Amino acid sequence: MSRIIKFRDIIGIIKDKASQSKAKAKSLSLHLALLRATTHDPFTPPNPKHISAFLSFGHSSRTVASAAIESLMDRLQMTRDASVAVKCLITVHHIIKHGSFILQDQLSVYPSTGGRNNLKFSDFRDNTTPVTWELSSWIRWYALYLENLLSTSRVLGFFLCSTSSTLEKDQDQEKVSTYTNLDLLGEFDSLITFLEVTCRRPDLNGNNIVEEIIGLVNEDYLSAINDVSTRVDEFNQRLSCLTFGDSVELACCLKRLKECKEKLLDLCNNNKKDVIETLWACVDQLKDKVEIQSPMPINGKFLLTMGGGGRSSESDRFGNRVFIRGNAINFSSARFGLDLNGICL
């Protein structure tokens, strides 16, 4: 996109210089780092050096980290400038991906402590110039995307795309085998909702800021695909343990996931095509297995029935459960090749 310096751009540069000079004079290092990362330039993404400077406040005390998040959210909520808003959202995304645990924790709890949804930007519009008008559509989608990224991370128990969640991701496959069917379906549903929002991104417009967003989102997408793949494999292991209601819910989730296929394939990098195609092959296989279980037409529609008994075992995440003698336990996962359905304590 060719850049033409307009009067509004000059005003934005002057505002940035004045704000940064004021912060320097008052020795407000946190505020200065934020101002440098969220300038009024509608063409240039935040400088990685300035993003890193802001993230460094997460390596201090919890009080400092809390002040950093509050400062960022206040700037995001108060501005009506598309350039500032989109760079604040990019900074939020970097906190999710690369921030310290304390900074991520403060971000995750801030909406509840603030008493409002700080990423609700469905009505954001900056019609000052054609560039800011185009950026506005990206801001509306990007805010919704980050909101879903945070909510999905809460469901999973770790930040979906964070470099600091490596240990949790490594243990994910082992952990999902201990989940109840209800928990597993809840995570699967949340991941699919996240992918559905990912598919709704606006059309590309050649802006470097938009290219920065796409790069960050593509990394998240690959991380989400890995988590979806883990849960698809687990469902394949426990088909016989699903109740009728579980099987219907799983079928609905798989249908929604399949509806995202073409759009998601367009989003992925060429060097990751094989990984993505492998996932879709597994999804097709699971979908076929679910649908082949005694379909019963009712009024032209099909209901699915599955074999197996009642609910699966309680998740070990809720340890210290008290079991009553005589209660039957149905083990969630069939990956261990054991037929222990109905064994009583």
Protein backbone atom coordinates (compact mmCIF):
# COMPACT_ATOMS: atom_id res chain seq x y z
CA MET A 1 0.00 0.00 0.00
CA SER A 2 1.51 3.34 -1.06
CA ARG A 3 1.87 5.80 1.75
CA ILE A 4 0.85 9.43 1.39
CA ILE A 5 1.69 11.72 4.30
CA LYS A 6 -1.43 13.66 5.17
CA PHE A 7 -2.14 16.39 7.66
CA ARG A 8 -3.75 13.85 10.02
CA ASP A 9 -0.54 11.77 9.98
CA ILE A 10 1.50 14.83 10.88
CA ILE A 11 -0.86 15.60 13.77
CA GLY A 12 -0.46 12.00 14.95
CA ILE A 13 3.34 12.27 14.88
CA ILE A 14 3.18 15.50 16.86
CA LYS A 15 0.87 13.88 19.43
CA ASP A 16 3.24 10.94 19.82
CA LYS A 17 6.26 13.21 20.30
CA ALA A 18 4.44 15.43 22.79
CA SER A 19 3.12 12.49 24.85
CA GLN A 20 6.49 10.76 24.91
CA SER A 21 8.30 13.97 25.90
CA LYS A 22 5.81 14.49 28.73
CA ALA A 23 6.32 10.91 29.94
CA LYS A 24 10.11 11.37 29.83
CA ALA A 25 9.88 14.58 31.84
CA LYS A 26 7.90 12.80 34.54
CA SER A 27 10.12 9.68 34.42
CA LEU A 28 7.07 7.54 33.63
CA SER A 29 8.95 4.63 32.06
CA LEU A 30 5.94 2.30 31.85
CA HIS A 31 3.74 4.92 30.21
CA LEU A 32 6.55 5.87 27.84
CA ALA A 33 7.05 2.24 26.75
CA LEU A 34 3.32 1.95 26.04
CA LEU A 35 3.23 5.20 24.05
CA ARG A 36 6.16 4.07 21.92
CA ALA A 37 4.48 0.71 21.20
CA THR A 38 1.10 2.27 20.28
CA THR A 39 1.81 5.26 18.05
CA HIS A 40 -0.61 7.02 15.69
CA ASP A 41 1.11 5.75 12.52
CA PRO A 42 -1.57 3.82 10.53
CA PHE A 43 0.96 1.98 8.31
CA THR A 44 3.72 0.73 10.57
CA PRO A 45 3.30 -2.11 13.12
CA PRO A 46 4.74 -1.71 16.62
CA ASN A 47 8.51 -1.88 16.82
CA PRO A 48 9.51 -5.25 18.40
CA LYS A 49 11.96 -3.38 20.62
CA HIS A 50 9.14 -1.26 22.06
CA ILE A 51 6.89 -4.32 22.53
CA SER A 52 9.72 -6.07 24.40
CA ALA A 53 10.25 -2.99 26.56
CA PHE A 54 6.60 -3.03 27.59
CA LEU A 55 6.62 -6.80 28.22
CA SER A 56 9.64 -6.38 30.48
CA PHE A 57 7.38 -4.85 33.14
CA GLY A 58 5.91 -8.31 33.58
CA HIS A 59 9.20 -9.48 35.07
CA SER A 60 8.83 -7.18 38.05
CA SER A 61 6.29 -7.37 40.87
CA ARG A 62 2.62 -8.28 40.49
CA THR A 63 1.76 -4.66 41.31
CA VAL A 64 3.85 -3.37 38.41
CA ALA A 65 2.39 -5.99 36.06
CA SER A 66 -1.12 -5.02 37.11
CA ALA A 67 -0.34 -1.35 36.46
CA ALA A 68 0.99 -2.24 33.00
CA ILE A 69 -2.21 -4.09 32.05
CA GLU A 70 -4.40 -1.34 33.45
CA SER A 71 -2.46 1.28 31.51
CA LEU A 72 -2.75 -0.71 28.28
CA MET A 73 -6.47 -1.36 28.68
CA ASP A 74 -7.18 2.27 29.56
CA ARG A 75 -5.43 3.42 26.39
CA LEU A 76 -7.31 0.83 24.35
CA GLN A 77 -10.69 1.83 25.77
CA MET A 78 -10.19 5.59 25.59
CA THR A 79 -8.82 5.93 22.05
CA ARG A 80 -10.98 6.40 18.98
CA ASP A 81 -7.93 6.33 16.74
CA ALA A 82 -7.71 3.13 14.68
CA SER A 83 -3.90 3.14 14.62
CA VAL A 84 -3.62 3.30 18.39
CA ALA A 85 -6.41 0.76 18.95
CA VAL A 86 -4.99 -1.88 16.61
CA LYS A 87 -1.50 -1.52 18.13
CA CYS A 88 -2.95 -1.91 21.62
CA LEU A 89 -4.59 -5.15 20.44
CA ILE A 90 -1.30 -6.33 18.93
CA THR A 91 0.35 -5.63 22.30
CA VAL A 92 -2.35 -7.69 24.03
CA HIS A 93 -1.64 -10.51 21.59
CA HIS A 94 2.09 -10.35 22.35
CA ILE A 95 1.32 -10.56 26.07
CA ILE A 96 -0.69 -13.75 25.44
CA LYS A 97 2.09 -15.24 23.31
CA HIS A 98 5.29 -14.00 24.95
CA GLY A 99 4.39 -12.29 28.22
CA SER A 100 5.51 -13.50 31.64
CA PHE A 101 3.15 -15.61 33.74
CA ILE A 102 2.37 -12.64 36.00
CA LEU A 103 1.54 -10.38 33.05
CA GLN A 104 -0.63 -13.06 31.44
CA ASP A 105 -2.38 -13.70 34.73
CA GLN A 106 -3.20 -10.02 35.19
CA LEU A 107 -4.53 -9.85 31.63
CA SER A 108 -6.75 -12.91 32.14
CA VAL A 109 -8.39 -11.54 35.29
CA TYR A 110 -8.60 -7.90 34.26
CA PRO A 111 -12.08 -8.07 32.63
CA SER A 112 -13.61 -9.43 35.86
CA THR A 113 -11.82 -6.95 38.10
CA GLY A 114 -12.64 -4.12 35.71
CA GLY A 115 -16.30 -5.05 35.62
CA ARG A 116 -16.57 -4.86 31.84
CA ASN A 117 -15.51 -6.62 28.66
CA ASN A 118 -12.43 -4.68 27.62
CA LEU A 119 -12.27 -6.33 24.20
CA LYS A 120 -15.81 -5.50 23.08
CA PHE A 121 -15.19 -3.43 19.95
CA SER A 122 -18.08 -4.53 17.75
CA ASP A 123 -19.08 -0.90 17.17
CA PHE A 124 -15.58 0.57 16.65
CA ARG A 125 -15.34 2.81 13.59
CA ASP A 126 -12.77 5.40 12.63
CA ASN A 127 -13.94 7.02 9.39
CA THR A 128 -11.31 9.76 9.36
CA THR A 129 -9.58 8.30 6.28
CA PRO A 130 -10.08 5.27 3.99
CA VAL A 131 -7.08 3.63 5.69
CA THR A 132 -8.49 3.99 9.20
CA TRP A 133 -11.91 2.85 7.93
CA GLU A 134 -10.33 -0.38 6.63
CA LEU A 135 -8.38 -0.80 9.85
CA SER A 136 -11.63 -0.45 11.80
CA SER A 137 -13.02 -3.67 10.33
CA TRP A 138 -9.84 -5.46 11.35
CA ILE A 139 -10.07 -4.00 14.86
CA ARG A 140 -13.64 -5.29 15.28
CA TRP A 141 -12.62 -8.78 14.18
CA TYR A 142 -9.25 -8.79 15.99
CA ALA A 143 -10.81 -7.82 19.33
CA LEU A 144 -13.37 -10.63 18.98
CA TYR A 145 -10.57 -13.02 18.03
CA LEU A 146 -8.47 -12.15 21.09
CA GLU A 147 -11.53 -12.41 23.32
CA ASN A 148 -12.11 -15.96 22.04
CA LEU A 149 -8.42 -16.78 22.37
CA LEU A 150 -8.56 -15.81 26.05
CA SER A 151 -11.83 -17.65 26.72
CA THR A 152 -10.57 -20.82 25.00
CA SER A 153 -7.35 -20.62 27.02
CA ARG A 154 -9.41 -20.45 30.22
CA VAL A 155 -11.29 -23.60 29.19
CA LEU A 156 -8.06 -25.45 28.35
CA GLY A 157 -6.30 -24.33 31.52
CA PHE A 158 -3.31 -22.82 29.67
CA PHE A 159 -2.68 -20.09 27.12
CA LEU A 160 -3.29 -21.70 23.76
CA CYS A 161 -0.44 -20.08 21.84
CA SER A 162 1.90 -19.01 24.62
CA THR A 163 5.59 -19.89 24.50
CA SER A 164 5.47 -20.13 28.31
CA SER A 165 2.90 -22.97 28.18
CA THR A 166 5.27 -25.51 26.61
CA LEU A 167 5.14 -27.87 29.58
CA GLU A 168 1.32 -27.87 29.68
CA LYS A 169 1.18 -28.58 25.95
CA ASP A 170 3.63 -31.49 26.28
CA GLN A 171 1.40 -33.03 28.95
CA ASP A 172 -1.83 -32.31 27.06
CA GLN A 173 -2.18 -35.71 25.38
CA GLU A 174 -1.69 -37.52 28.66
CA LYS A 175 -4.15 -35.23 30.47
CA VAL A 176 -7.00 -35.52 27.97
CA SER A 177 -7.20 -39.27 28.51
CA THR A 178 -8.25 -38.57 32.12
CA TYR A 179 -11.02 -36.11 31.24
CA THR A 180 -14.69 -36.92 31.48
CA ASN A 181 -16.61 -36.97 28.21
CA LEU A 182 -18.29 -33.73 29.28
CA ASP A 183 -14.95 -31.98 29.85
CA LEU A 184 -13.51 -33.27 26.59
CA LEU A 185 -16.55 -32.14 24.61
CA GLY A 186 -16.40 -28.73 26.31
CA GLU A 187 -12.79 -28.21 25.26
CA PHE A 188 -13.49 -29.49 21.74
CA ASP A 189 -16.44 -27.11 21.37
CA SER A 190 -14.36 -24.16 22.61
CA LEU A 191 -11.52 -24.92 20.17
CA ILE A 192 -13.95 -25.16 17.25
CA THR A 193 -15.58 -21.85 18.23
CA PHE A 194 -12.09 -20.31 18.21
CA LEU A 195 -11.41 -21.69 14.72
CA GLU A 196 -14.80 -20.41 13.50
CA VAL A 197 -13.88 -16.90 14.63
CA THR A 198 -10.48 -17.27 12.95
CA CYS A 199 -12.24 -18.02 9.66
CA ARG A 200 -14.15 -14.73 9.81
CA ARG A 201 -11.15 -12.48 9.38
CA PRO A 202 -11.59 -9.58 6.90
CA ASP A 203 -10.02 -9.47 3.45
CA LEU A 204 -6.37 -8.51 3.14
CA ASN A 205 -5.61 -4.90 2.23
CA GLY A 206 -1.81 -4.76 1.96
CA ASN A 207 -1.31 -2.76 5.16
CA ASN A 208 1.85 -3.77 7.06
CA ILE A 209 -0.08 -3.69 10.35
CA VAL A 210 -2.54 -6.21 8.92
CA GLU A 211 0.36 -8.40 7.78
CA GLU A 212 1.68 -8.35 11.35
CA ILE A 213 -1.71 -9.50 12.66
CA ILE A 214 -1.89 -12.31 10.10
CA GLY A 215 1.54 -13.57 11.12
CA LEU A 216 0.50 -13.76 14.78
CA VAL A 217 -2.84 -15.39 13.97
CA ASN A 218 -1.27 -18.05 11.73
CA GLU A 219 0.97 -19.14 14.59
CA ASP A 220 -2.08 -19.44 16.86
CA TYR A 221 -3.92 -21.42 14.21
CA LEU A 222 -1.22 -24.10 14.04
CA SER A 223 -1.21 -24.37 17.84
CA ALA A 224 -5.01 -24.75 17.88
CA ILE A 225 -4.86 -27.41 15.16
CA ASN A 226 -2.47 -29.46 17.31
CA ASP A 227 -4.87 -29.27 20.26
CA VAL A 228 -7.83 -30.21 18.07
CA SER A 229 -5.86 -33.18 16.69
CA THR A 230 -5.12 -34.43 20.22
CA ARG A 231 -8.82 -34.39 21.08
CA VAL A 232 -9.86 -36.04 17.81
CA ASP A 233 -7.44 -38.88 18.59
CA GLU A 234 -8.91 -39.21 22.08
CA PHE A 235 -12.47 -39.37 20.78
CA ASN A 236 -11.39 -42.17 18.45
CA GLN A 237 -10.19 -44.08 21.52
CA ARG A 238 -13.39 -43.72 23.51
CA LEU A 239 -16.23 -44.01 20.98
CA SER A 240 -17.72 -46.96 22.82
CA CYS A 241 -17.83 -44.93 26.04
CA LEU A 242 -19.99 -42.11 24.66
CA THR A 243 -23.61 -41.80 25.66
CA PHE A 244 -26.31 -40.95 23.13
CA GLY A 245 -26.19 -37.26 24.10
CA ASP A 246 -22.39 -37.20 23.92
CA SER A 247 -22.41 -38.75 20.45
CA VAL A 248 -24.94 -36.24 19.12
CA GLU A 249 -22.92 -33.33 20.53
CA LEU A 250 -19.72 -34.75 19.04
CA ALA A 251 -21.42 -35.12 15.64
CA CYS A 252 -22.51 -31.47 15.77
CA CYS A 253 -18.98 -30.34 16.67
CA LEU A 254 -17.48 -32.35 13.80
CA LYS A 255 -20.00 -30.87 11.38
CA ARG A 256 -19.04 -27.33 12.47
CA LEU A 257 -15.36 -28.21 12.14
CA LYS A 258 -15.85 -29.56 8.63
CA GLU A 259 -17.59 -26.35 7.62
CA CYS A 260 -14.37 -24.49 8.48
CA LYS A 261 -12.16 -26.76 6.36
CA GLU A 262 -11.82 -24.77 3.14
CA LYS A 263 -11.26 -21.46 4.87
CA LEU A 264 -8.73 -22.94 7.30
CA LEU A 265 -6.81 -24.60 4.46
CA ASP A 266 -6.51 -21.18 2.83
CA LEU A 267 -5.05 -19.77 6.04
CA CYS A 268 -2.28 -22.32 6.58
CA ASN A 269 1.30 -22.06 5.31
CA ASN A 270 2.33 -24.31 2.44
CA ASN A 271 4.99 -26.03 4.56
CA LYS A 272 2.29 -27.07 7.05
CA LYS A 273 -0.19 -28.43 4.50
CA ASP A 274 0.73 -32.05 5.27
CA VAL A 275 -0.02 -31.59 8.98
CA ILE A 276 -3.36 -29.98 8.23
CA GLU A 277 -4.35 -32.62 5.67
CA THR A 278 -3.53 -35.35 8.20
CA LEU A 279 -5.88 -33.73 10.71
CA TRP A 280 -8.73 -33.54 8.19
CA ALA A 281 -8.23 -37.21 7.31
CA CYS A 282 -8.59 -38.07 11.03
CA VAL A 283 -11.66 -35.83 11.33
CA ASP A 284 -13.29 -37.55 8.34
CA GLN A 285 -12.51 -40.94 9.82
CA LEU A 286 -14.01 -40.03 13.19
CA LYS A 287 -17.08 -38.47 11.56
CA ASP A 288 -17.68 -41.66 9.57
CA LYS A 289 -17.38 -43.79 12.69
CA VAL A 290 -19.92 -41.67 14.55
CA GLU A 291 -22.39 -41.59 11.67
CA ILE A 292 -22.23 -45.34 11.03
CA GLN A 293 -23.54 -46.10 14.51
CA SER A 294 -27.15 -47.12 13.86
CA PRO A 295 -28.61 -44.01 12.17
CA MET A 296 -32.36 -43.72 12.77
CA PRO A 297 -34.33 -41.44 10.39
CA ILE A 298 -36.93 -39.30 12.13
CA ASN A 299 -38.92 -36.85 9.98
CA GLY A 300 -36.25 -36.98 7.30
CA LYS A 301 -33.42 -36.37 9.77
CA PHE A 302 -30.98 -38.74 11.39
CA LEU A 303 -30.28 -39.21 15.05
CA LEU A 304 -27.09 -40.96 16.06
CA THR A 305 -26.80 -43.76 18.56
CA MET A 306 -23.60 -45.03 20.10
CA GLY A 307 -22.71 -48.06 22.11
CA GLY A 308 -21.45 -47.88 25.66
CA GLY A 309 -22.71 -47.19 29.12
CA GLY A 310 -23.05 -44.10 31.23
CA ARG A 311 -20.73 -41.21 31.93
CA SER A 312 -17.00 -41.60 32.00
CA SER A 313 -14.82 -41.44 35.07
CA GLU A 314 -14.31 -38.28 37.05
CA SER A 315 -11.35 -36.20 35.95
CA ASP A 316 -8.31 -36.32 38.15
CA ARG A 317 -8.30 -32.54 38.01
CA PHE A 318 -10.95 -32.67 40.71
CA GLY A 319 -8.92 -34.88 43.06
CA ASN A 320 -9.97 -36.02 46.52
CA ARG A 321 -13.39 -37.26 45.40
CA VAL A 322 -15.26 -39.51 47.86
CA PHE A 323 -16.61 -42.66 46.24
CA ILE A 324 -19.52 -44.56 47.73
CA ARG A 325 -19.20 -48.31 47.91
CA GLY A 326 -21.20 -49.92 45.13
CA ASN A 327 -20.86 -47.04 42.63
CA ALA A 328 -19.91 -48.20 39.16
CA ILE A 329 -17.04 -46.52 37.32
CA ASN A 330 -16.87 -46.25 33.53
CA PHE A 331 -13.34 -45.41 32.42
CA SER A 332 -13.18 -42.51 29.94
CA SER A 333 -10.46 -43.59 27.58
CA ALA A 334 -10.12 -46.93 25.85
CA ARG A 335 -6.51 -46.25 24.90
CA PHE A 336 -5.24 -48.77 27.47
CA GLY A 337 -7.19 -51.64 25.96
CA LEU A 338 -8.99 -52.49 29.21
CA ASP A 339 -12.63 -53.53 29.48
CA LEU A 340 -13.40 -52.40 32.99
CA ASN A 341 -16.88 -51.00 32.38
CA GLY A 342 -19.12 -51.51 35.37
CA ILE A 343 -16.51 -52.61 37.90
CA CYS A 344 -17.73 -51.78 41.41
CA LEU A 345 -15.69 -50.62 44.35
